[in-house]
N, C-alpha and C. Protein backbone atom coordinates (compact mmCIF):
# COMPACT_ATOMS: atom_id res chain seq x y z
N MET A 1 2.51 19.59 -4.88
CA MET A 1 1.66 18.64 -5.04
C MET A 1 2.04 17.39 -4.28
N ILE A 2 3.38 17.21 -4.11
CA ILE A 2 3.72 16.00 -3.41
C ILE A 2 3.06 15.85 -1.99
N ASP A 3 2.81 17.00 -1.34
CA ASP A 3 2.28 16.90 -0.01
C ASP A 3 0.76 16.41 -0.04
N GLU A 4 0.19 16.44 -1.28
CA GLU A 4 -1.17 16.05 -1.38
C GLU A 4 -1.15 14.45 -1.57
N VAL A 5 -0.01 13.79 -2.02
CA VAL A 5 -0.20 12.41 -2.27
C VAL A 5 0.94 11.76 -1.40
N SER A 6 1.63 12.44 -0.56
CA SER A 6 2.66 11.68 0.24
C SER A 6 2.59 12.13 1.63
N THR A 7 3.47 11.56 2.46
CA THR A 7 3.64 11.95 3.99
C THR A 7 5.04 12.30 4.14
N PRO A 8 5.21 13.07 5.23
CA PRO A 8 6.55 13.53 5.64
C PRO A 8 7.60 12.29 5.83
N ASP A 9 7.06 11.07 6.08
CA ASP A 9 7.95 9.94 6.29
C ASP A 9 7.93 8.93 5.19
N ALA A 10 7.28 9.22 4.03
CA ALA A 10 7.22 8.26 2.99
C ALA A 10 8.57 8.04 2.43
N VAL A 11 8.83 6.93 1.81
CA VAL A 11 10.04 6.49 1.21
C VAL A 11 9.59 6.36 -0.38
N ILE A 12 10.19 7.08 -1.29
CA ILE A 12 9.88 7.10 -2.63
C ILE A 12 11.02 6.54 -3.42
N TYR A 13 10.73 5.42 -4.14
CA TYR A 13 11.72 4.77 -5.02
C TYR A 13 11.37 5.03 -6.44
N GLY A 14 12.38 5.23 -7.36
CA GLY A 14 12.08 5.29 -8.72
C GLY A 14 13.40 5.61 -9.48
N ASN A 15 13.19 6.06 -10.67
CA ASN A 15 14.43 6.37 -11.57
C ASN A 15 15.44 7.32 -11.04
N ASP A 16 15.02 8.20 -10.13
CA ASP A 16 15.99 9.09 -9.57
C ASP A 16 16.03 9.00 -7.97
N GLY A 17 15.48 8.00 -7.54
CA GLY A 17 15.52 7.68 -6.06
C GLY A 17 16.76 6.83 -5.56
N GLY A 18 17.35 6.10 -6.49
CA GLY A 18 18.40 5.23 -6.17
C GLY A 18 17.95 4.09 -5.28
N ALA A 19 18.86 3.24 -4.79
CA ALA A 19 18.58 2.07 -4.11
C ALA A 19 17.90 2.34 -2.74
N ASP A 20 18.35 3.37 -2.19
CA ASP A 20 17.90 3.80 -0.72
C ASP A 20 16.54 4.59 -0.82
N GLY A 21 16.24 5.05 -1.95
CA GLY A 21 14.99 5.91 -2.14
C GLY A 21 15.16 7.26 -1.60
N ILE A 22 14.06 8.04 -1.67
CA ILE A 22 14.13 9.25 -1.05
C ILE A 22 13.19 9.41 0.04
N ARG A 23 13.57 9.80 1.22
CA ARG A 23 12.72 9.73 2.44
C ARG A 23 12.02 11.03 2.60
N GLY A 24 10.70 11.10 2.62
CA GLY A 24 9.98 12.21 2.99
C GLY A 24 9.53 13.19 1.82
N SER A 25 8.42 13.78 1.95
CA SER A 25 7.91 14.59 0.90
C SER A 25 8.73 15.81 0.59
N THR A 26 9.43 16.31 1.70
CA THR A 26 10.32 17.54 1.52
C THR A 26 11.46 17.17 0.59
N ALA A 27 12.06 15.99 0.87
CA ALA A 27 13.20 15.57 0.11
C ALA A 27 12.84 15.25 -1.39
N PHE A 28 11.67 14.64 -1.53
CA PHE A 28 11.26 14.31 -2.85
C PHE A 28 11.04 15.63 -3.53
N ALA A 29 10.34 16.70 -3.07
CA ALA A 29 10.11 17.84 -3.67
C ALA A 29 11.39 18.61 -4.10
N GLU A 30 12.49 18.43 -3.22
CA GLU A 30 13.80 19.02 -3.62
C GLU A 30 14.40 18.26 -4.70
N SER A 31 14.13 17.01 -4.86
CA SER A 31 14.77 16.23 -6.06
C SER A 31 14.16 16.38 -7.38
N ARG A 32 12.90 17.04 -7.43
CA ARG A 32 12.19 17.25 -8.62
C ARG A 32 12.87 18.06 -9.65
N PRO A 33 13.51 19.24 -9.26
CA PRO A 33 14.07 20.08 -10.30
C PRO A 33 14.92 19.35 -11.29
N GLN A 34 15.70 18.27 -10.99
CA GLN A 34 16.48 17.59 -11.90
C GLN A 34 15.58 16.81 -12.88
N SER A 35 14.42 16.49 -12.60
CA SER A 35 13.60 15.86 -13.63
C SER A 35 13.17 16.84 -14.64
N TRP A 36 13.07 18.10 -14.34
CA TRP A 36 12.58 19.10 -15.35
C TRP A 36 13.81 19.58 -16.19
N ALA A 37 14.98 18.96 -15.99
CA ALA A 37 16.09 19.18 -17.00
C ALA A 37 15.89 18.65 -18.31
N ILE A 38 15.03 17.67 -18.45
CA ILE A 38 14.84 17.00 -19.79
C ILE A 38 13.50 17.27 -20.29
N MET A 39 12.56 17.92 -19.61
CA MET A 39 11.17 18.24 -20.11
C MET A 39 10.63 19.48 -19.63
N SER A 40 9.76 20.03 -20.55
CA SER A 40 9.21 21.33 -20.19
C SER A 40 7.69 21.23 -19.73
N ARG A 41 7.11 19.97 -19.86
CA ARG A 41 5.82 19.80 -19.39
C ARG A 41 5.61 18.37 -19.26
N ARG A 42 4.72 17.97 -18.19
CA ARG A 42 4.45 16.59 -18.04
C ARG A 42 3.13 16.56 -17.21
N ARG A 43 2.29 15.47 -17.53
CA ARG A 43 1.07 15.11 -16.88
C ARG A 43 0.98 13.71 -16.66
N HIS A 44 0.82 13.19 -15.52
CA HIS A 44 0.52 11.87 -15.26
C HIS A 44 -0.94 11.57 -15.21
N ALA A 45 -1.38 10.46 -15.75
CA ALA A 45 -2.76 10.14 -15.85
C ALA A 45 -2.98 8.60 -15.33
N ALA A 46 -3.63 8.28 -14.37
CA ALA A 46 -3.81 6.91 -13.86
C ALA A 46 -4.87 6.36 -14.78
N GLN A 47 -4.63 5.02 -15.22
CA GLN A 47 -5.59 4.36 -16.10
C GLN A 47 -6.18 3.29 -15.29
N ARG A 48 -5.52 2.75 -14.34
CA ARG A 48 -6.09 1.68 -13.51
C ARG A 48 -5.49 1.73 -12.07
N VAL A 49 -6.21 1.43 -11.06
CA VAL A 49 -5.68 1.33 -9.71
C VAL A 49 -6.21 0.04 -9.07
N PHE A 50 -5.26 -0.73 -8.57
CA PHE A 50 -5.50 -2.04 -7.92
C PHE A 50 -5.24 -1.91 -6.49
N GLY A 51 -6.07 -2.53 -5.62
CA GLY A 51 -5.67 -2.50 -4.17
C GLY A 51 -5.67 -3.90 -3.56
N SER A 52 -4.98 -4.07 -2.41
CA SER A 52 -4.86 -5.32 -1.79
C SER A 52 -6.05 -5.48 -0.90
N SER A 53 -6.34 -6.69 -0.55
CA SER A 53 -7.59 -6.97 0.26
C SER A 53 -7.52 -6.27 1.65
N ASP A 54 -6.33 -5.98 2.13
CA ASP A 54 -6.22 -5.40 3.44
C ASP A 54 -6.00 -3.83 3.36
N ALA A 55 -6.07 -3.35 2.21
CA ALA A 55 -5.98 -1.86 1.89
C ALA A 55 -4.64 -1.20 2.24
N GLN A 56 -3.66 -2.10 2.38
CA GLN A 56 -2.30 -1.66 2.68
C GLN A 56 -1.47 -1.33 1.42
N GLU A 57 -1.89 -1.78 0.23
CA GLU A 57 -1.05 -1.64 -0.99
C GLU A 57 -2.02 -1.16 -2.18
N ARG A 58 -1.40 -0.36 -3.05
CA ARG A 58 -2.04 0.08 -4.31
C ARG A 58 -1.07 -0.04 -5.46
N VAL A 59 -1.53 -0.43 -6.59
CA VAL A 59 -0.75 -0.48 -7.82
C VAL A 59 -1.45 0.43 -8.76
N VAL A 60 -0.69 1.45 -9.32
CA VAL A 60 -1.30 2.36 -10.25
C VAL A 60 -0.55 2.18 -11.67
N ILE A 61 -1.43 1.91 -12.65
CA ILE A 61 -0.86 1.82 -14.02
C ILE A 61 -1.46 3.00 -14.77
N GLY A 62 -0.54 3.81 -15.42
CA GLY A 62 -0.98 4.91 -16.11
C GLY A 62 -0.02 5.29 -17.26
N THR A 63 -0.21 6.67 -17.68
CA THR A 63 0.69 7.18 -18.72
C THR A 63 1.19 8.47 -18.37
N LEU A 64 2.32 8.83 -18.86
CA LEU A 64 3.05 10.13 -18.64
C LEU A 64 3.06 10.83 -19.95
N ASP A 65 2.28 11.82 -20.09
CA ASP A 65 2.40 12.61 -21.34
C ASP A 65 3.33 13.78 -21.07
N MET A 66 4.33 13.90 -21.91
CA MET A 66 5.41 14.97 -21.63
C MET A 66 5.84 15.58 -22.94
N THR A 67 6.39 16.78 -22.69
CA THR A 67 7.07 17.46 -23.84
C THR A 67 8.44 17.60 -23.42
N LEU A 68 9.35 17.12 -24.23
CA LEU A 68 10.80 17.15 -23.89
C LEU A 68 11.35 18.56 -24.32
N ILE A 69 12.55 18.88 -23.68
CA ILE A 69 13.12 20.20 -24.01
C ILE A 69 13.45 20.48 -25.46
N ASN A 70 13.54 19.41 -26.22
CA ASN A 70 13.76 19.61 -27.61
C ASN A 70 12.41 19.70 -28.45
N GLY A 71 11.38 19.80 -27.78
CA GLY A 71 10.09 20.11 -28.35
C GLY A 71 9.33 18.67 -28.68
N LYS A 72 9.95 17.50 -28.63
CA LYS A 72 9.26 16.32 -28.89
C LYS A 72 8.29 15.93 -27.92
N GLN A 73 7.11 15.46 -28.31
CA GLN A 73 6.07 14.99 -27.43
C GLN A 73 6.17 13.46 -27.21
N MET A 74 5.92 12.91 -25.96
CA MET A 74 5.87 11.57 -25.74
C MET A 74 4.76 11.15 -24.79
N LEU A 75 4.31 9.93 -25.05
CA LEU A 75 3.37 9.37 -24.09
C LEU A 75 3.89 8.02 -23.75
N VAL A 76 4.34 7.88 -22.46
CA VAL A 76 4.92 6.69 -22.14
C VAL A 76 4.14 6.00 -20.89
N PRO A 77 4.22 4.79 -20.79
CA PRO A 77 3.48 4.04 -19.65
C PRO A 77 4.38 4.19 -18.37
N PHE A 78 3.69 4.12 -17.16
CA PHE A 78 4.37 4.10 -15.86
C PHE A 78 3.46 3.16 -14.96
N THR A 79 4.19 2.57 -14.04
CA THR A 79 3.55 1.87 -12.97
C THR A 79 4.04 2.34 -11.60
N SER A 80 3.26 2.42 -10.65
CA SER A 80 3.57 2.77 -9.32
C SER A 80 3.03 1.74 -8.32
N HIS A 81 3.89 1.42 -7.38
CA HIS A 81 3.48 0.43 -6.31
C HIS A 81 3.59 1.33 -5.09
N ILE A 82 2.41 1.34 -4.34
CA ILE A 82 2.36 2.14 -3.07
C ILE A 82 2.02 1.22 -1.95
N GLU A 83 2.90 1.40 -0.91
CA GLU A 83 2.62 0.64 0.39
C GLU A 83 2.32 1.64 1.42
N LEU A 84 1.25 1.48 2.07
CA LEU A 84 0.86 2.30 3.25
C LEU A 84 1.62 1.80 4.53
N ALA A 85 1.85 2.70 5.38
CA ALA A 85 2.50 2.17 6.78
C ALA A 85 1.47 1.21 7.42
N GLY A 86 2.08 0.17 8.07
CA GLY A 86 1.19 -0.74 8.54
C GLY A 86 2.18 -2.01 9.16
N PRO A 87 1.46 -3.14 9.26
CA PRO A 87 2.18 -4.25 9.75
C PRO A 87 3.34 -4.59 8.77
N ARG A 88 3.26 -4.45 7.51
CA ARG A 88 4.39 -4.91 6.59
C ARG A 88 5.45 -4.03 6.33
N THR A 89 5.23 -2.75 6.68
CA THR A 89 6.26 -1.72 6.46
C THR A 89 6.18 -0.60 7.56
N ASP A 90 7.39 0.00 7.86
CA ASP A 90 7.39 0.95 8.99
C ASP A 90 7.06 2.35 8.43
N ALA A 91 7.14 2.54 7.21
CA ALA A 91 6.82 3.86 6.54
C ALA A 91 6.17 3.69 5.25
N PRO A 92 5.31 4.67 4.83
CA PRO A 92 4.66 4.47 3.48
C PRO A 92 5.75 4.49 2.38
N ARG A 93 5.57 3.76 1.45
CA ARG A 93 6.55 3.54 0.36
C ARG A 93 5.90 3.73 -1.00
N ILE A 94 6.50 4.47 -1.96
CA ILE A 94 6.07 4.61 -3.34
C ILE A 94 7.19 4.18 -4.21
N GLN A 95 6.98 3.23 -5.09
CA GLN A 95 8.01 2.90 -6.14
C GLN A 95 7.38 3.13 -7.50
N THR A 96 8.02 3.89 -8.27
CA THR A 96 7.52 4.23 -9.73
C THR A 96 8.40 3.61 -10.67
N MET A 97 7.95 2.89 -11.70
CA MET A 97 8.76 2.32 -12.79
C MET A 97 8.35 2.83 -14.14
N THR A 98 9.27 3.47 -14.87
CA THR A 98 9.19 3.80 -16.27
C THR A 98 10.31 3.37 -16.97
N ASP A 99 10.18 2.91 -18.16
CA ASP A 99 11.29 2.45 -19.07
C ASP A 99 11.73 3.77 -19.74
N PRO A 100 12.99 4.15 -19.34
CA PRO A 100 13.57 5.44 -19.94
C PRO A 100 14.17 5.35 -21.36
N THR A 101 14.20 4.19 -21.92
CA THR A 101 14.77 3.90 -23.20
C THR A 101 14.07 4.78 -24.34
N PRO A 102 12.86 4.89 -24.47
CA PRO A 102 12.31 5.79 -25.54
C PRO A 102 12.64 7.27 -25.25
N ILE A 103 12.56 7.61 -23.97
CA ILE A 103 12.87 8.99 -23.65
C ILE A 103 14.32 9.42 -24.03
N ILE A 104 15.19 8.52 -23.68
CA ILE A 104 16.60 8.74 -23.97
C ILE A 104 16.82 8.74 -25.40
N ALA A 105 16.19 7.96 -26.11
CA ALA A 105 16.29 7.95 -27.69
C ALA A 105 15.79 9.27 -28.24
N ALA A 106 14.68 9.73 -27.74
CA ALA A 106 14.02 11.02 -28.24
C ALA A 106 14.86 12.21 -27.98
N LEU A 107 15.69 12.22 -26.90
CA LEU A 107 16.61 13.20 -26.65
C LEU A 107 17.79 13.33 -27.37
N GLN A 108 18.18 12.20 -28.19
CA GLN A 108 19.45 12.19 -28.94
C GLN A 108 19.28 13.19 -30.15
N PRO A 109 20.39 13.75 -30.44
CA PRO A 109 20.32 14.72 -31.59
C PRO A 109 20.14 13.95 -32.91
N ALA A 110 19.47 14.52 -33.87
CA ALA A 110 19.28 13.80 -35.13
C ALA A 110 20.59 13.81 -35.88
N ASP A 111 20.84 12.70 -36.67
CA ASP A 111 22.05 12.51 -37.35
C ASP A 111 22.09 13.23 -38.63
C-alpha cells in the first residue's frame, strides 16, 4: 500500500522513523513489520484534510482503529503533515504524529 501513497524518494517521519526519518517507500515498507509486533489489526481513517494555497502541503487529521495483540481495541487520533517536492523541500516528506501513551497503557499487564 505504501507505493500507492508515497514515492521512492519520500522521507517519512513518525514514531518509528527517528530524527532522520525513513527515506523511500521501500525502506518504509521494510520498517512496518515492527509496527505489527503490538497489533493484530489496524485501519486509518482520514476525518479532515487541509491543503496549502500552493498545493505543496497537506495536513490529514484522522483516527487509527486498532486491535492490540492482547485483544484490546483502541481508537486513537493521528495527524499527518505531508509536503510534496517543490521549492520548499527537495523530496516529498510525510510526518505522522500519534500519542503513544494510551497504547502503551493498554499493553501493560493487568495487576
